[in-house]
Amino acid sequence: MLGRVLLLSRLIGREVQTADGRRIGRLADLSIRLHAERPVVEQLVVTRPNAPALVLPCEVTIFGSDHVTLGVRAAEFPRFETPALSEALAADEILLKRDVLDTQIVDVAGQRLARVADVLLARTPSGRLEALGVEVGFSGVLRRLRLGGGSAGEDMVAWSELHLTSERGHQVQLATPRSAVHRLDARSLAALVSRVDTESAGEILAAKEPSVAAEAVRSADPDVGERVLRAMGESHSARIVAAMPAEHAAHWRGRLARTPALLGRRFLRSSVSARRHLNWPGA
């Protein structure tokens, strides 16, 4: 049983204080590890005036109504200081504000592209904070602007049913076996590659077995399949085409051998904008 829902947008910016009551800065971000069995918050990023940001463990942190109380004392800070945020994150760790909030996601169950209005979290019985999913739609936008918007979670995509298009989120999900992308059948995989940018689509297909990628290409719109195969490069596309039945392989070899009428930016352009690049200083 989970506790009441917390909104990431309402947590970010809150004043942060230590276990011994010292005010140190403001909450800038929360991290989760995608390889973990459940998407619980692992670390907090705290910005401080005229000092490097801190990346602190979240296990015993208390999120109050207007501030955050850490489970560490001020004297422990030196061991949490890091010159670059990227050095403090594990290979499978992402940041909820930087890599999820306001980015585009693909709802792999509903097969739709949407923009994240908020991230919904809740306390677990053990006291950890867990990501339930993301809120999309105009209602979430209104709520962030304090203009109403109804109850939180009215249009929620469960964490287990989304694929992130932010650069780090996308890469980490591809490397995480339990991510939604690894559970998709060929038809659903085709829908996913049709909704992300060309580079991401190529990376998704390259991460799959050639036979699975081949079925996805055959299930996708032919123009989408051609665009992605061309962008992947000859060696990757050749392996995928070779995994098709002989008749289909011959068709695709012929299609890829010709010069496309729209070769260039218009032909290779994605159906959505390119992934958002990391923008944290030192990331």
Protein backbone atom coordinates (compact mmCIF):
# COMPACT_ATOMS: atom_id res chain seq x y z
CA MET A 1 0.00 0.00 0.00
CA LEU A 2 1.41 3.38 -1.03
CA GLY A 3 0.93 6.69 0.74
CA ARG A 4 -0.53 9.88 -0.66
CA VAL A 5 0.63 11.05 -4.06
CA LEU A 6 3.35 13.70 -4.21
CA LEU A 7 4.04 15.81 -7.29
CA LEU A 8 7.63 16.33 -8.38
CA SER A 9 6.89 19.92 -9.43
CA ARG A 10 5.77 20.72 -5.86
CA LEU A 11 8.91 19.19 -4.33
CA ILE A 12 11.51 20.83 -6.56
CA GLY A 13 12.66 24.16 -5.13
CA ARG A 14 11.79 23.38 -1.52
CA GLU A 15 14.21 24.51 1.16
CA VAL A 16 16.47 21.73 2.42
CA GLN A 17 17.73 21.43 5.98
CA THR A 18 19.97 18.95 7.75
CA ALA A 19 19.02 16.49 10.48
CA ASP A 20 20.43 18.96 12.99
CA GLY A 21 18.31 21.83 11.63
CA ARG A 22 20.82 23.71 9.46
CA ARG A 23 19.44 25.28 6.26
CA ILE A 24 21.70 24.45 3.33
CA GLY A 25 19.99 25.08 0.00
CA ARG A 26 17.12 23.97 -2.21
CA LEU A 27 16.05 20.69 -3.71
CA ALA A 28 17.03 20.65 -7.40
CA ASP A 29 16.38 17.05 -8.47
CA LEU A 30 15.71 13.44 -7.45
CA SER A 31 17.31 10.34 -8.94
CA ILE A 32 16.08 6.79 -9.49
CA ARG A 33 17.90 3.68 -10.71
CA LEU A 34 16.14 1.83 -13.51
CA HIS A 35 17.84 -1.51 -12.80
CA ALA A 36 16.27 -1.56 -9.34
CA GLU A 37 13.27 -3.82 -8.79
CA ARG A 38 11.13 -0.74 -8.04
CA PRO A 39 11.72 2.87 -9.17
CA VAL A 40 12.46 4.32 -5.74
CA VAL A 41 14.28 7.59 -5.24
CA GLU A 42 17.95 6.98 -4.50
CA GLN A 43 19.57 10.43 -4.24
CA LEU A 44 18.74 14.11 -3.91
CA VAL A 45 20.50 16.93 -5.74
CA VAL A 46 20.69 19.99 -3.51
CA THR A 47 21.92 23.34 -4.84
CA ARG A 48 23.65 25.73 -2.44
CA PRO A 49 24.46 29.43 -2.80
CA ASN A 50 28.13 30.00 -3.62
CA ALA A 51 28.99 26.31 -3.18
CA PRO A 52 29.00 23.12 -5.27
CA ALA A 53 25.80 21.09 -5.47
CA LEU A 54 25.45 18.13 -3.15
CA VAL A 55 24.24 14.67 -4.15
CA LEU A 56 22.84 13.05 -1.02
CA PRO A 57 21.28 9.67 -0.18
CA CYS A 58 17.52 9.73 0.16
CA GLU A 59 16.77 6.78 2.45
CA VAL A 60 15.73 8.68 5.57
CA THR A 61 14.78 12.01 4.05
CA ILE A 62 11.52 13.59 5.25
CA PHE A 63 9.48 15.62 2.77
CA GLY A 64 7.50 18.13 4.80
CA SER A 65 4.78 20.48 3.58
CA ASP A 66 7.23 23.29 2.78
CA HIS A 67 10.75 21.94 3.34
CA VAL A 68 12.89 18.81 3.11
CA THR A 69 14.75 17.38 6.10
CA LEU A 70 17.79 15.27 5.33
CA GLY A 71 18.91 12.22 7.21
CA VAL A 72 22.49 13.51 7.42
CA ARG A 73 24.17 16.19 9.49
CA ALA A 74 26.03 19.19 8.11
CA ALA A 75 29.38 17.77 9.25
CA GLU A 76 28.95 14.83 6.82
CA PHE A 77 28.74 17.01 3.68
CA PRO A 78 32.35 16.89 2.48
CA ARG A 79 32.02 13.22 1.46
CA PHE A 80 28.97 14.04 -0.72
CA GLU A 81 30.51 16.90 -2.70
CA THR A 82 31.31 16.05 -6.32
CA PRO A 83 32.89 18.18 -9.07
CA ALA A 84 30.51 16.79 -11.71
CA LEU A 85 26.99 15.49 -11.30
CA SER A 86 27.63 12.68 -13.76
CA GLU A 87 30.28 11.25 -11.40
CA ALA A 88 27.69 10.89 -8.63
CA LEU A 89 25.19 8.95 -10.73
CA ALA A 90 25.32 5.22 -11.32
CA ALA A 91 25.24 3.96 -14.91
CA ASP A 92 21.53 3.09 -14.61
CA GLU A 93 20.51 6.26 -12.72
CA ILE A 94 18.45 9.12 -14.14
CA LEU A 95 17.22 12.43 -12.75
CA LEU A 96 13.48 13.02 -12.63
CA LYS A 97 13.51 16.76 -13.30
CA ARG A 98 16.29 16.80 -15.88
CA ASP A 99 15.50 13.58 -17.74
CA VAL A 100 11.72 13.21 -17.32
CA LEU A 101 9.80 16.40 -16.40
CA ASP A 102 8.71 18.42 -19.48
CA THR A 103 10.25 15.87 -21.86
CA GLN A 104 8.38 13.72 -24.36
CA ILE A 105 7.60 10.11 -23.58
CA VAL A 106 6.02 7.30 -25.56
CA ASP A 107 3.15 5.55 -23.81
CA VAL A 108 3.90 2.05 -25.08
CA ALA A 109 0.54 0.68 -23.91
CA GLY A 110 -1.58 3.45 -25.43
CA GLN A 111 0.85 3.89 -28.36
CA ARG A 112 0.87 7.66 -28.09
CA LEU A 113 3.45 10.38 -27.83
CA ALA A 114 2.97 12.79 -24.93
CA ARG A 115 4.78 15.46 -22.94
CA VAL A 116 5.30 15.00 -19.20
CA ALA A 117 3.44 17.59 -17.14
CA ASP A 118 4.49 16.10 -13.80
CA VAL A 119 5.96 13.04 -12.13
CA LEU A 120 3.83 11.30 -9.51
CA LEU A 121 5.53 9.82 -6.44
CA ALA A 122 4.37 8.16 -3.26
CA ARG A 123 5.80 6.86 0.00
CA THR A 124 6.25 3.11 0.28
CA PRO A 125 5.56 1.29 3.59
CA SER A 126 9.31 1.25 4.20
CA GLY A 127 9.44 5.05 3.94
CA ARG A 128 11.11 5.25 0.52
CA LEU A 129 9.78 7.55 -2.19
CA GLU A 130 8.71 5.71 -5.36
CA ALA A 131 7.89 6.96 -8.86
CA LEU A 132 4.40 5.79 -9.77
CA GLY A 133 4.30 7.25 -13.25
CA VAL A 134 4.04 10.49 -15.17
CA GLU A 135 1.10 12.77 -15.71
CA VAL A 136 0.40 13.98 -19.24
CA GLY A 137 -2.27 16.21 -20.69
CA PHE A 138 -3.51 19.73 -20.09
CA SER A 139 -4.91 19.00 -16.63
CA GLY A 140 -1.41 18.46 -15.28
CA VAL A 141 -0.21 21.69 -16.88
CA LEU A 142 -3.03 23.66 -15.23
CA ARG A 143 -2.18 22.12 -11.86
CA ARG A 144 1.46 23.17 -12.15
CA LEU A 145 0.31 26.71 -12.92
CA ARG A 146 -1.98 26.61 -9.85
CA LEU A 147 -4.99 27.06 -12.12
CA GLY A 148 -6.97 24.01 -11.05
CA GLY A 149 -6.73 20.95 -13.21
CA GLY A 150 -8.61 18.36 -11.14
CA SER A 151 -7.15 15.44 -9.22
CA ALA A 152 -3.55 14.36 -9.72
CA GLY A 153 -3.15 11.30 -11.89
CA GLU A 154 -6.23 11.74 -14.06
CA ASP A 155 -4.13 11.06 -17.14
CA MET A 156 -1.22 9.04 -15.82
CA VAL A 157 1.14 6.75 -17.69
CA ALA A 158 2.50 4.11 -15.31
CA TRP A 159 6.27 4.08 -14.93
CA SER A 160 6.40 0.53 -16.29
CA GLU A 161 4.58 1.56 -19.48
CA LEU A 162 6.64 4.49 -20.73
CA HIS A 163 9.71 5.02 -22.87
CA LEU A 164 11.68 8.21 -22.30
CA THR A 165 12.95 10.25 -25.24
CA SER A 166 15.39 12.38 -23.23
CA GLU A 167 18.95 11.41 -24.11
CA ARG A 168 19.99 9.78 -20.84
CA GLY A 169 16.55 8.33 -20.12
CA HIS A 170 16.42 6.67 -23.53
CA GLN A 171 19.92 5.21 -23.26
CA VAL A 172 19.43 3.88 -19.72
CA GLN A 173 16.08 2.29 -20.59
CA LEU A 174 17.64 0.50 -23.56
CA ALA A 175 20.24 -0.95 -21.19
CA THR A 176 17.66 -1.99 -18.57
CA PRO A 177 16.12 -5.42 -19.26
CA ARG A 178 12.93 -4.67 -17.30
CA SER A 179 12.16 -1.48 -19.26
CA ALA A 180 8.99 -1.41 -21.34
CA VAL A 181 10.87 -1.39 -24.65
CA HIS A 182 12.14 -4.93 -24.00
CA ARG A 183 8.62 -6.34 -23.52
CA LEU A 184 7.18 -5.13 -26.82
CA ASP A 185 6.10 -7.41 -29.63
CA ALA A 186 6.99 -6.52 -33.23
CA ARG A 187 3.85 -4.46 -33.88
CA SER A 188 4.23 -2.43 -30.69
CA LEU A 189 7.95 -2.01 -31.36
CA ALA A 190 7.07 -0.65 -34.81
CA ALA A 191 4.72 1.87 -33.20
CA LEU A 192 7.49 2.98 -30.84
CA VAL A 193 10.12 3.52 -33.54
CA SER A 194 7.52 5.44 -35.54
CA ARG A 195 7.10 7.94 -32.71
CA VAL A 196 10.67 8.69 -31.67
CA ASP A 197 13.39 10.55 -33.55
CA THR A 198 15.37 8.69 -36.18
CA GLU A 199 18.52 8.32 -34.09
CA SER A 200 16.56 6.87 -31.16
CA ALA A 201 14.63 4.52 -33.46
CA GLY A 202 17.89 3.18 -34.85
CA GLU A 203 19.29 2.65 -31.36
CA ILE A 204 16.14 0.78 -30.32
CA LEU A 205 16.33 -1.58 -33.30
CA ALA A 206 20.08 -2.08 -32.83
CA ALA A 207 19.43 -3.18 -29.25
CA LYS A 208 17.06 -5.95 -30.39
CA GLU A 209 17.82 -9.30 -31.94
CA PRO A 210 17.94 -8.93 -35.78
CA SER A 211 14.89 -11.19 -36.19
CA VAL A 212 12.82 -9.01 -33.82
CA ALA A 213 14.05 -5.79 -35.45
CA ALA A 214 13.23 -7.26 -38.87
CA GLU A 215 9.65 -8.00 -37.82
CA ALA A 216 9.31 -4.46 -36.46
CA VAL A 217 10.53 -2.95 -39.74
CA ARG A 218 8.07 -5.07 -41.70
CA SER A 219 5.25 -3.96 -39.35
CA ALA A 220 6.11 -0.26 -39.59
CA ASP A 221 5.18 2.17 -42.32
CA PRO A 222 7.61 1.45 -45.20
CA ASP A 223 8.85 5.04 -45.28
CA VAL A 224 9.59 4.91 -41.55
CA GLY A 225 11.38 1.60 -41.92
CA GLU A 226 13.47 2.89 -44.80
CA ARG A 227 14.38 6.10 -42.99
CA VAL A 228 15.54 4.21 -39.90
CA LEU A 229 17.45 1.51 -41.77
CA ARG A 230 19.32 4.12 -43.82
CA ALA A 231 20.19 6.10 -40.69
CA MET A 232 21.49 2.98 -38.91
CA GLY A 233 24.28 2.39 -41.39
CA GLU A 234 24.91 -0.41 -43.84
CA SER A 235 26.23 -3.06 -41.45
CA HIS A 236 23.32 -2.82 -38.97
CA SER A 237 20.65 -2.57 -41.66
CA ALA A 238 22.16 -5.52 -43.57
CA ARG A 239 21.85 -7.77 -40.49
CA ILE A 240 18.22 -6.78 -40.01
CA VAL A 241 17.33 -7.30 -43.67
CA ALA A 242 19.12 -10.68 -43.67
CA ALA A 243 16.83 -11.82 -40.85
CA MET A 244 13.71 -11.29 -43.00
CA PRO A 245 12.09 -14.02 -45.11
CA ALA A 246 13.82 -14.24 -48.51
CA GLU A 247 11.05 -12.46 -50.45
CA HIS A 248 10.89 -9.53 -48.04
CA ALA A 249 14.68 -9.35 -47.79
CA ALA A 250 14.97 -9.03 -51.58
CA HIS A 251 12.37 -6.25 -51.57
CA TRP A 252 14.20 -4.30 -48.85
CA ARG A 253 17.61 -4.74 -50.46
CA GLY A 254 16.20 -3.32 -53.66
CA ARG A 255 14.54 -0.45 -51.83
CA LEU A 256 17.70 0.47 -49.94
CA ALA A 257 19.84 0.19 -53.10
CA ARG A 258 17.98 2.97 -54.87
CA THR A 259 18.49 6.67 -54.19
CA PRO A 260 15.48 7.96 -52.22
CA ALA A 261 13.60 10.81 -53.82
CA LEU A 262 13.72 12.78 -50.60
CA LEU A 263 17.27 11.95 -49.57
CA GLY A 264 18.57 14.58 -47.19
CA ARG A 265 17.12 16.43 -44.23
CA ARG A 266 13.50 16.08 -45.27
CA PHE A 267 13.87 12.33 -45.75
CA LEU A 268 15.75 11.71 -42.52
CA ARG A 269 13.76 14.11 -40.39
CA SER A 270 12.15 12.56 -37.34
CA SER A 271 8.45 12.51 -36.56
CA VAL A 272 9.32 14.27 -33.30
CA SER A 273 12.02 16.69 -32.29
CA ALA A 274 15.45 15.38 -31.34
CA ARG A 275 16.07 14.21 -27.81
CA ARG A 276 16.75 16.85 -25.22
CA HIS A 277 20.46 17.03 -24.37
CA LEU A 278 21.77 17.08 -20.84
CA ASN A 279 21.95 20.61 -19.50
CA TRP A 280 23.25 20.29 -15.94
CA PRO A 281 26.53 22.09 -15.42
CA GLY A 282 29.28 19.49 -15.30
CA ALA A 283 26.94 16.65 -16.26
